[in-house]
PDB file of N, CA and C in Angstrom:
ATOM      1  N   UNK A   1     -23.028   4.321 -23.584  1.00  0.00           N
ATOM      2  CA  UNK A   1     -21.978   5.103 -24.196  1.00  0.00           C
ATOM      3  C   UNK A   1     -20.884   5.400 -23.184  1.00  0.00           C
ATOM      4  N   UNK A   2     -19.649   5.096 -23.502  1.00  0.00           N
ATOM      5  CA  UNK A   2     -18.540   5.368 -22.598  1.00  0.00           C
ATOM      6  C   UNK A   2     -18.086   6.835 -22.726  1.00  0.00           C
ATOM      7  N   UNK A   3     -17.740   7.385 -21.560  1.00  0.00           N
ATOM      8  CA  UNK A   3     -17.236   8.732 -21.566  1.00  0.00           C
ATOM      9  C   UNK A   3     -15.779   8.758 -22.040  1.00  0.00           C
ATOM     10  N   UNK A   4     -15.430   9.856 -22.632  1.00  0.00           N
ATOM     11  CA  UNK A   4     -14.033  10.052 -23.036  1.00  0.00           C
ATOM     12  C   UNK A   4     -13.280  10.737 -21.912  1.00  0.00           C
ATOM     13  N   UNK A   5     -12.087  10.307 -21.666  1.00  0.00           N
ATOM     14  CA  UNK A   5     -11.243  10.970 -20.659  1.00  0.00           C
ATOM     15  C   UNK A   5     -10.121  11.652 -21.335  1.00  0.00           C
ATOM     16  N   UNK A   6     -10.105  12.952 -21.268  1.00  0.00           N
ATOM     17  CA  UNK A   6      -9.064  13.741 -21.870  1.00  0.00           C
ATOM     18  C   UNK A   6      -7.850  13.848 -20.981  1.00  0.00           C
ATOM     19  N   UNK A   7      -6.704  13.632 -21.519  1.00  0.00           N
ATOM     20  CA  UNK A   7      -5.425  13.693 -20.788  1.00  0.00           C
ATOM     21  C   UNK A   7      -5.403  12.700 -19.625  1.00  0.00           C
ATOM     22  N   UNK A   8      -6.055  11.589 -19.728  1.00  0.00           N
ATOM     23  CA  UNK A   8      -6.027  10.527 -18.719  1.00  0.00           C
ATOM     24  C   UNK A   8      -5.554   9.219 -19.225  1.00  0.00           C
ATOM     25  N   UNK A   9      -4.882   9.236 -20.365  1.00  0.00           N
ATOM     26  CA  UNK A   9      -4.442   7.968 -20.973  1.00  0.00           C
ATOM     27  C   UNK A   9      -3.489   7.187 -20.057  1.00  0.00           C
ATOM     28  N   UNK A  10      -2.581   7.936 -19.407  1.00  0.00           N
ATOM     29  CA  UNK A  10      -1.609   7.262 -18.511  1.00  0.00           C
ATOM     30  C   UNK A  10      -2.323   6.605 -17.330  1.00  0.00           C
ATOM     31  N   UNK A  11      -3.277   7.346 -16.736  1.00  0.00           N
ATOM     32  CA  UNK A  11      -3.995   6.834 -15.582  1.00  0.00           C
ATOM     33  C   UNK A  11      -4.813   5.611 -15.966  1.00  0.00           C
ATOM     34  N   UNK A  12      -5.525   5.682 -17.089  1.00  0.00           N
ATOM     35  CA  UNK A  12      -6.323   4.558 -17.564  1.00  0.00           C
ATOM     36  C   UNK A  12      -5.460   3.355 -17.832  1.00  0.00           C
ATOM     37  N   UNK A  13      -4.341   3.559 -18.475  1.00  0.00           N
ATOM     38  CA  UNK A  13      -3.412   2.427 -18.773  1.00  0.00           C
ATOM     39  C   UNK A  13      -2.892   1.808 -17.472  1.00  0.00           C
ATOM     40  N   UNK A  14      -2.521   2.622 -16.508  1.00  0.00           N
ATOM     41  CA  UNK A  14      -1.982   2.130 -15.240  1.00  0.00           C
ATOM     42  C   UNK A  14      -3.069   1.320 -14.504  1.00  0.00           C
ATOM     43  N   UNK A  15      -4.266   1.868 -14.450  1.00  0.00           N
ATOM     44  CA  UNK A  15      -5.369   1.163 -13.741  1.00  0.00           C
ATOM     45  C   UNK A  15      -5.738  -0.147 -14.452  1.00  0.00           C
ATOM     46  N   UNK A  16      -5.742  -0.164 -15.747  1.00  0.00           N
ATOM     47  CA  UNK A  16      -6.028  -1.402 -16.498  1.00  0.00           C
ATOM     48  C   UNK A  16      -4.907  -2.427 -16.264  1.00  0.00           C
ATOM     49  N   UNK A  17      -3.660  -1.986 -16.297  1.00  0.00           N
ATOM     50  CA  UNK A  17      -2.555  -2.892 -16.047  1.00  0.00           C
ATOM     51  C   UNK A  17      -2.601  -3.459 -14.634  1.00  0.00           C
ATOM     52  N   UNK A  18      -2.994  -2.641 -13.688  1.00  0.00           N
ATOM     53  CA  UNK A  18      -3.104  -3.096 -12.285  1.00  0.00           C
ATOM     54  C   UNK A  18      -4.208  -4.156 -12.188  1.00  0.00           C
ATOM     55  N   UNK A  19      -5.328  -3.924 -12.875  1.00  0.00           N
ATOM     56  CA  UNK A  19      -6.420  -4.922 -12.848  1.00  0.00           C
ATOM     57  C   UNK A  19      -5.975  -6.250 -13.496  1.00  0.00           C
ATOM     58  N   UNK A  20      -5.272  -6.153 -14.586  1.00  0.00           N
ATOM     59  CA  UNK A  20      -4.790  -7.398 -15.232  1.00  0.00           C
ATOM     60  C   UNK A  20      -3.831  -8.143 -14.303  1.00  0.00           C
ATOM     61  N   UNK A  21      -2.933  -7.402 -13.675  1.00  0.00           N
ATOM     62  CA  UNK A  21      -1.960  -8.012 -12.754  1.00  0.00           C
ATOM     63  C   UNK A  21      -2.646  -8.696 -11.598  1.00  0.00           C
ATOM     64  N   UNK A  22      -3.744  -8.061 -11.097  1.00  0.00           N
ATOM     65  CA  UNK A  22      -4.427  -8.667  -9.994  1.00  0.00           C
ATOM     66  C   UNK A  22      -5.166  -9.944 -10.387  1.00  0.00           C
ATOM     67  N   UNK A  23      -5.470 -10.071 -11.636  1.00  0.00           N
ATOM     68  CA  UNK A  23      -6.097 -11.302 -12.118  1.00  0.00           C
ATOM     69  C   UNK A  23      -5.096 -12.460 -12.299  1.00  0.00           C
ATOM     70  N   UNK A  24      -3.882 -12.122 -12.622  1.00  0.00           N
ATOM     71  CA  UNK A  24      -2.895 -13.169 -12.983  1.00  0.00           C
ATOM     72  C   UNK A  24      -1.934 -13.511 -11.845  1.00  0.00           C
ATOM     73  N   UNK A  25      -1.628 -12.584 -10.947  1.00  0.00           N
ATOM     74  CA  UNK A  25      -0.653 -12.946  -9.916  1.00  0.00           C
ATOM     75  C   UNK A  25      -1.263 -12.939  -8.502  1.00  0.00           C
ATOM     76  N   UNK A  26      -1.801 -11.832  -8.069  1.00  0.00           N
ATOM     77  CA  UNK A  26      -2.385 -11.809  -6.739  1.00  0.00           C
ATOM     78  C   UNK A  26      -3.364 -10.654  -6.646  1.00  0.00           C
ATOM     79  N   UNK A  27      -4.293 -10.757  -5.693  1.00  0.00           N
ATOM     80  CA  UNK A  27      -5.290  -9.705  -5.543  1.00  0.00           C
ATOM     81  C   UNK A  27      -4.643  -8.383  -5.147  1.00  0.00           C
ATOM     82  N   UNK A  28      -5.276  -7.298  -5.596  1.00  0.00           N
ATOM     83  CA  UNK A  28      -4.800  -5.966  -5.261  1.00  0.00           C
ATOM     84  C   UNK A  28      -5.985  -5.073  -5.010  1.00  0.00           C
ATOM     85  N   UNK A  29      -5.785  -4.083  -4.175  1.00  0.00           N
ATOM     86  CA  UNK A  29      -6.774  -3.076  -3.929  1.00  0.00           C
ATOM     87  C   UNK A  29      -6.236  -1.752  -4.413  1.00  0.00           C
ATOM     88  N   UNK A  30      -7.018  -1.002  -5.159  1.00  0.00           N
ATOM     89  CA  UNK A  30      -6.585   0.288  -5.692  1.00  0.00           C
ATOM     90  C   UNK A  30      -7.381   1.370  -5.032  1.00  0.00           C
ATOM     91  N   UNK A  31      -6.724   2.430  -4.585  1.00  0.00           N
ATOM     92  CA  UNK A  31      -7.391   3.544  -3.957  1.00  0.00           C
ATOM     93  C   UNK A  31      -7.096   4.795  -4.793  1.00  0.00           C
ATOM     94  N   UNK A  32      -8.149   5.490  -5.158  1.00  0.00           N
ATOM     95  CA  UNK A  32      -8.012   6.744  -5.930  1.00  0.00           C
ATOM     96  C   UNK A  32      -8.236   7.878  -4.963  1.00  0.00           C
ATOM     97  N   UNK A  33      -7.270   8.746  -4.865  1.00  0.00           N
ATOM     98  CA  UNK A  33      -7.410   9.903  -3.962  1.00  0.00           C
ATOM     99  C   UNK A  33      -7.036  11.176  -4.736  1.00  0.00           C
ATOM    100  N   UNK A  34      -7.506  12.305  -4.212  1.00  0.00           N
ATOM    101  CA  UNK A  34      -7.193  13.576  -4.865  1.00  0.00           C
ATOM    102  C   UNK A  34      -8.207  14.624  -4.496  1.00  0.00           C
ATOM    103  N   UNK A  35      -7.990  15.795  -5.024  1.00  0.00           N
ATOM    104  CA  UNK A  35      -8.896  16.936  -4.767  1.00  0.00           C
ATOM    105  C   UNK A  35     -10.322  16.585  -5.243  1.00  0.00           C
ATOM    106  N   UNK A  36     -11.261  17.352  -4.749  1.00  0.00           N
ATOM    107  CA  UNK A  36     -12.638  17.198  -5.155  1.00  0.00           C
ATOM    108  C   UNK A  36     -12.833  17.591  -6.603  1.00  0.00           C
ATOM    109  N   UNK A  37     -13.814  16.926  -7.271  1.00  0.00           N
ATOM    110  CA  UNK A  37     -14.312  17.340  -8.575  1.00  0.00           C
ATOM    111  C   UNK A  37     -13.293  17.236  -9.707  1.00  0.00           C
ATOM    112  N   UNK A  38     -12.387  16.254  -9.628  1.00  0.00           N
ATOM    113  CA  UNK A  38     -11.427  16.109 -10.710  1.00  0.00           C
ATOM    114  C   UNK A  38     -11.651  14.815 -11.520  1.00  0.00           C
ATOM    115  N   UNK A  39     -12.694  14.078 -11.182  1.00  0.00           N
ATOM    116  CA  UNK A  39     -13.043  12.904 -11.992  1.00  0.00           C
ATOM    117  C   UNK A  39     -12.619  11.563 -11.420  1.00  0.00           C
ATOM    118  N   UNK A  40     -12.288  11.459 -10.166  1.00  0.00           N
ATOM    119  CA  UNK A  40     -11.859  10.178  -9.560  1.00  0.00           C
ATOM    120  C   UNK A  40     -12.957   9.103  -9.681  1.00  0.00           C
ATOM    121  N   UNK A  41     -14.193   9.487  -9.348  1.00  0.00           N
ATOM    122  CA  UNK A  41     -15.311   8.529  -9.412  1.00  0.00           C
ATOM    123  C   UNK A  41     -15.561   8.108 -10.844  1.00  0.00           C
ATOM    124  N   UNK A  42     -15.601   9.028 -11.771  1.00  0.00           N
ATOM    125  CA  UNK A  42     -15.814   8.706 -13.178  1.00  0.00           C
ATOM    126  C   UNK A  42     -14.727   7.799 -13.693  1.00  0.00           C
ATOM    127  N   UNK A  43     -13.483   8.090 -13.364  1.00  0.00           N
ATOM    128  CA  UNK A  43     -12.372   7.284 -13.805  1.00  0.00           C
ATOM    129  C   UNK A  43     -12.479   5.853 -13.243  1.00  0.00           C
ATOM    130  N   UNK A  44     -12.751   5.748 -11.960  1.00  0.00           N
ATOM    131  CA  UNK A  44     -12.892   4.416 -11.350  1.00  0.00           C
ATOM    132  C   UNK A  44     -14.028   3.630 -11.966  1.00  0.00           C
ATOM    133  N   UNK A  45     -15.182   4.256 -12.167  1.00  0.00           N
ATOM    134  CA  UNK A  45     -16.342   3.553 -12.747  1.00  0.00           C
ATOM    135  C   UNK A  45     -16.061   3.170 -14.202  1.00  0.00           C
ATOM    136  N   UNK A  46     -15.318   4.004 -14.931  1.00  0.00           N
ATOM    137  CA  UNK A  46     -14.970   3.695 -16.294  1.00  0.00           C
ATOM    138  C   UNK A  46     -14.107   2.428 -16.353  1.00  0.00           C
ATOM    139  N   UNK A  47     -13.163   2.316 -15.456  1.00  0.00           N
ATOM    140  CA  UNK A  47     -12.251   1.175 -15.443  1.00  0.00           C
ATOM    141  C   UNK A  47     -13.047  -0.081 -15.072  1.00  0.00           C
ATOM    142  N   UNK A  48     -14.003   0.050 -14.172  1.00  0.00           N
ATOM    143  CA  UNK A  48     -14.805  -1.088 -13.749  1.00  0.00           C
ATOM    144  C   UNK A  48     -15.917  -1.486 -14.675  1.00  0.00           C
ATOM    145  N   UNK A  49     -16.252  -0.622 -15.623  1.00  0.00           N
ATOM    146  CA  UNK A  49     -17.437  -0.817 -16.458  1.00  0.00           C
ATOM    147  C   UNK A  49     -17.337  -2.077 -17.346  1.00  0.00           C
ATOM    148  N   UNK A  50     -16.154  -2.500 -17.686  1.00  0.00           N
ATOM    149  CA  UNK A  50     -16.002  -3.627 -18.574  1.00  0.00           C
ATOM    150  C   UNK A  50     -15.542  -4.894 -17.855  1.00  0.00           C
ATOM    151  N   UNK A  51     -15.713  -4.934 -16.528  1.00  0.00           N
ATOM    152  CA  UNK A  51     -15.169  -6.046 -15.769  1.00  0.00           C
ATOM    153  C   UNK A  51     -15.945  -6.149 -14.446  1.00  0.00           C
ATOM    154  N   UNK A  52     -15.570  -7.179 -13.667  1.00  0.00           N
ATOM    155  CA  UNK A  52     -16.205  -7.332 -12.365  1.00  0.00           C
ATOM    156  C   UNK A  52     -15.361  -6.636 -11.322  1.00  0.00           C
ATOM    157  N   UNK A  53     -16.001  -5.883 -10.486  1.00  0.00           N
ATOM    158  CA  UNK A  53     -15.269  -5.195  -9.420  1.00  0.00           C
ATOM    159  C   UNK A  53     -16.252  -4.484  -8.496  1.00  0.00           C
ATOM    160  N   UNK A  54     -15.726  -3.924  -7.470  1.00  0.00           N
ATOM    161  CA  UNK A  54     -16.565  -3.203  -6.479  1.00  0.00           C
ATOM    162  C   UNK A  54     -16.085  -1.763  -6.405  1.00  0.00           C
ATOM    163  N   UNK A  55     -17.046  -0.844  -6.431  1.00  0.00           N
ATOM    164  CA  UNK A  55     -16.737   0.562  -6.191  1.00  0.00           C
ATOM    165  C   UNK A  55     -17.275   0.859  -4.800  1.00  0.00           C
ATOM    166  N   UNK A  56     -16.379   1.227  -3.902  1.00  0.00           N
ATOM    167  CA  UNK A  56     -16.804   1.600  -2.518  1.00  0.00           C
ATOM    168  C   UNK A  56     -16.429   3.042  -2.258  1.00  0.00           C
ATOM    169  N   UNK A  57     -17.433   3.834  -1.936  1.00  0.00           N
ATOM    170  CA  UNK A  57     -17.177   5.203  -1.516  1.00  0.00           C
ATOM    171  C   UNK A  57     -17.065   5.185   0.006  1.00  0.00           C
ATOM    172  N   UNK A  58     -15.903   5.607   0.513  1.00  0.00           N
ATOM    173  CA  UNK A  58     -15.627   5.518   1.922  1.00  0.00           C
ATOM    174  C   UNK A  58     -15.932   6.866   2.605  1.00  0.00           C
ATOM    175  N   UNK A  59     -15.562   7.946   1.994  1.00  0.00           N
ATOM    176  CA  UNK A  59     -15.822   9.265   2.617  1.00  0.00           C
ATOM    177  C   UNK A  59     -14.978   9.430   3.864  1.00  0.00           C
ATOM    178  N   UNK A  60     -15.423  10.327   4.701  1.00  0.00           N
ATOM    179  CA  UNK A  60     -14.699  10.636   5.929  1.00  0.00           C
ATOM    180  C   UNK A  60     -15.212   9.763   7.066  1.00  0.00           C
ATOM    181  N   UNK A  61     -14.628   8.592   7.183  1.00  0.00           N
ATOM    182  CA  UNK A  61     -15.035   7.659   8.229  1.00  0.00           C
ATOM    183  C   UNK A  61     -13.772   7.263   9.001  1.00  0.00           C
ATOM    184  N   UNK A  62     -13.982   6.836  10.226  1.00  0.00           N
ATOM    185  CA  UNK A  62     -12.832   6.424  11.035  1.00  0.00           C
ATOM    186  C   UNK A  62     -12.347   5.047  10.573  1.00  0.00           C
ATOM    187  N   UNK A  63     -11.148   4.738  10.928  1.00  0.00           N
ATOM    188  CA  UNK A  63     -10.498   3.518  10.472  1.00  0.00           C
ATOM    189  C   UNK A  63     -11.258   2.258  10.875  1.00  0.00           C
ATOM    190  N   UNK A  64     -11.774   2.216  12.082  1.00  0.00           N
ATOM    191  CA  UNK A  64     -12.551   1.045  12.543  1.00  0.00           C
ATOM    192  C   UNK A  64     -13.776   0.826  11.702  1.00  0.00           C
ATOM    193  N   UNK A  65     -14.488   1.854  11.321  1.00  0.00           N
ATOM    194  CA  UNK A  65     -15.653   1.734  10.484  1.00  0.00           C
ATOM    195  C   UNK A  65     -15.284   1.202   9.087  1.00  0.00           C
ATOM    196  N   UNK A  66     -14.232   1.733   8.526  1.00  0.00           N
ATOM    197  CA  UNK A  66     -13.813   1.309   7.198  1.00  0.00           C
ATOM    198  C   UNK A  66     -13.378  -0.141   7.196  1.00  0.00           C
ATOM    199  N   UNK A  67     -12.622  -0.557   8.221  1.00  0.00           N
ATOM    200  CA  UNK A  67     -12.108  -1.913   8.265  1.00  0.00           C
ATOM    201  C   UNK A  67     -13.239  -2.949   8.498  1.00  0.00           C
ATOM    202  N   UNK A  68     -14.402  -2.516   8.971  1.00  0.00           N
ATOM    203  CA  UNK A  68     -15.539  -3.396   9.064  1.00  0.00           C
ATOM    204  C   UNK A  68     -16.357  -3.363   7.769  1.00  0.00           C
ATOM    205  N   UNK A  69     -16.379  -2.213   7.125  1.00  0.00           N
ATOM    206  CA  UNK A  69     -17.218  -1.984   5.931  1.00  0.00           C
ATOM    207  C   UNK A  69     -16.671  -2.771   4.693  1.00  0.00           C
ATOM    208  N   UNK A  70     -15.405  -2.659   4.436  1.00  0.00           N
ATOM    209  CA  UNK A  70     -14.822  -3.270   3.222  1.00  0.00           C
ATOM    210  C   UNK A  70     -15.039  -4.776   3.201  1.00  0.00           C
ATOM    211  N   UNK A  71     -14.625  -5.525   4.234  1.00  0.00           N
ATOM    212  CA  UNK A  71     -14.860  -6.973   4.175  1.00  0.00           C
ATOM    213  C   UNK A  71     -16.313  -7.344   4.046  1.00  0.00           C
ATOM    214  N   UNK A  72     -17.201  -6.603   4.668  1.00  0.00           N
ATOM    215  CA  UNK A  72     -18.623  -6.886   4.570  1.00  0.00           C
ATOM    216  C   UNK A  72     -19.123  -6.754   3.121  1.00  0.00           C
ATOM    217  N   UNK A  73     -18.675  -5.714   2.455  1.00  0.00           N
ATOM    218  CA  UNK A  73     -19.081  -5.468   1.069  1.00  0.00           C
ATOM    219  C   UNK A  73     -18.498  -6.516   0.132  1.00  0.00           C
ATOM    220  N   UNK A  74     -17.252  -6.907   0.337  1.00  0.00           N
ATOM    221  CA  UNK A  74     -16.609  -7.923  -0.468  1.00  0.00           C
ATOM    222  C   UNK A  74     -17.409  -9.249  -0.310  1.00  0.00           C
ATOM    223  N   UNK A  75     -17.759  -9.595   0.922  1.00  0.00           N
ATOM    224  CA  UNK A  75     -18.495 -10.808   1.128  1.00  0.00           C
ATOM    225  C   UNK A  75     -19.875 -10.714   0.461  1.00  0.00           C
ATOM    226  N   UNK A  76     -20.543  -9.567   0.598  1.00  0.00           N
ATOM    227  CA  UNK A  76     -21.867  -9.358   0.031  1.00  0.00           C
ATOM    228  C   UNK A  76     -21.879  -9.572  -1.488  1.00  0.00           C
ATOM    229  N   UNK A  77     -20.875  -9.015  -2.194  1.00  0.00           N
ATOM    230  CA  UNK A  77     -20.868  -9.072  -3.644  1.00  0.00           C
ATOM    231  C   UNK A  77     -20.243 -10.345  -4.180  1.00  0.00           C
ATOM    232  N   UNK A  78     -19.259 -10.881  -3.516  1.00  0.00           N
ATOM    233  CA  UNK A  78     -18.515 -12.021  -4.087  1.00  0.00           C
ATOM    234  C   UNK A  78     -18.543 -13.295  -3.218  1.00  0.00           C
ATOM    235  N   UNK A  79     -19.169 -13.265  -2.083  1.00  0.00           N
ATOM    236  CA  UNK A  79     -19.219 -14.408  -1.167  1.00  0.00           C
ATOM    237  C   UNK A  79     -17.818 -14.853  -0.806  1.00  0.00           C
ATOM    238  N   UNK A  80     -16.908 -13.912  -0.662  1.00  0.00           N
ATOM    239  CA  UNK A  80     -15.525 -14.212  -0.287  1.00  0.00           C
ATOM    240  C   UNK A  80     -15.271 -13.644   1.125  1.00  0.00           C
ATOM    241  N   UNK A  81     -14.799 -14.471   2.005  1.00  0.00           N
ATOM    242  CA  UNK A  81     -14.489 -14.035   3.364  1.00  0.00           C
ATOM    243  C   UNK A  81     -13.152 -13.265   3.354  1.00  0.00           C
ATOM    244  N   UNK A  82     -13.145 -12.074   3.946  1.00  0.00           N
ATOM    245  CA  UNK A  82     -11.932 -11.302   4.100  1.00  0.00           C
ATOM    246  C   UNK A  82     -11.673 -11.186   5.607  1.00  0.00           C
ATOM    247  N   UNK A  83     -10.576 -11.792   6.109  1.00  0.00           N
ATOM    248  CA  UNK A  83     -10.306 -11.738   7.540  1.00  0.00           C
ATOM    249  C   UNK A  83      -9.994 -10.343   8.033  1.00  0.00           C
TER     250      UNK A  83
END
């Protein structure tokens, strides 16, 4: 059962349009940021629920750790090398 998102129609539409654009023209990475406990994770997972994608929780990590982590996960899930 999919969750309903109240007052998030604009955000859902924008994220879905971004996903479609990334499929037809070029790859894109989307980052959701904001205050704690406002539904970022739920929103991201909802958008990914009907398609192929990766949800990566980064948390408070230094830039060097993040830049090693993301390409490793992309390769793990999709067997795509990210330089």
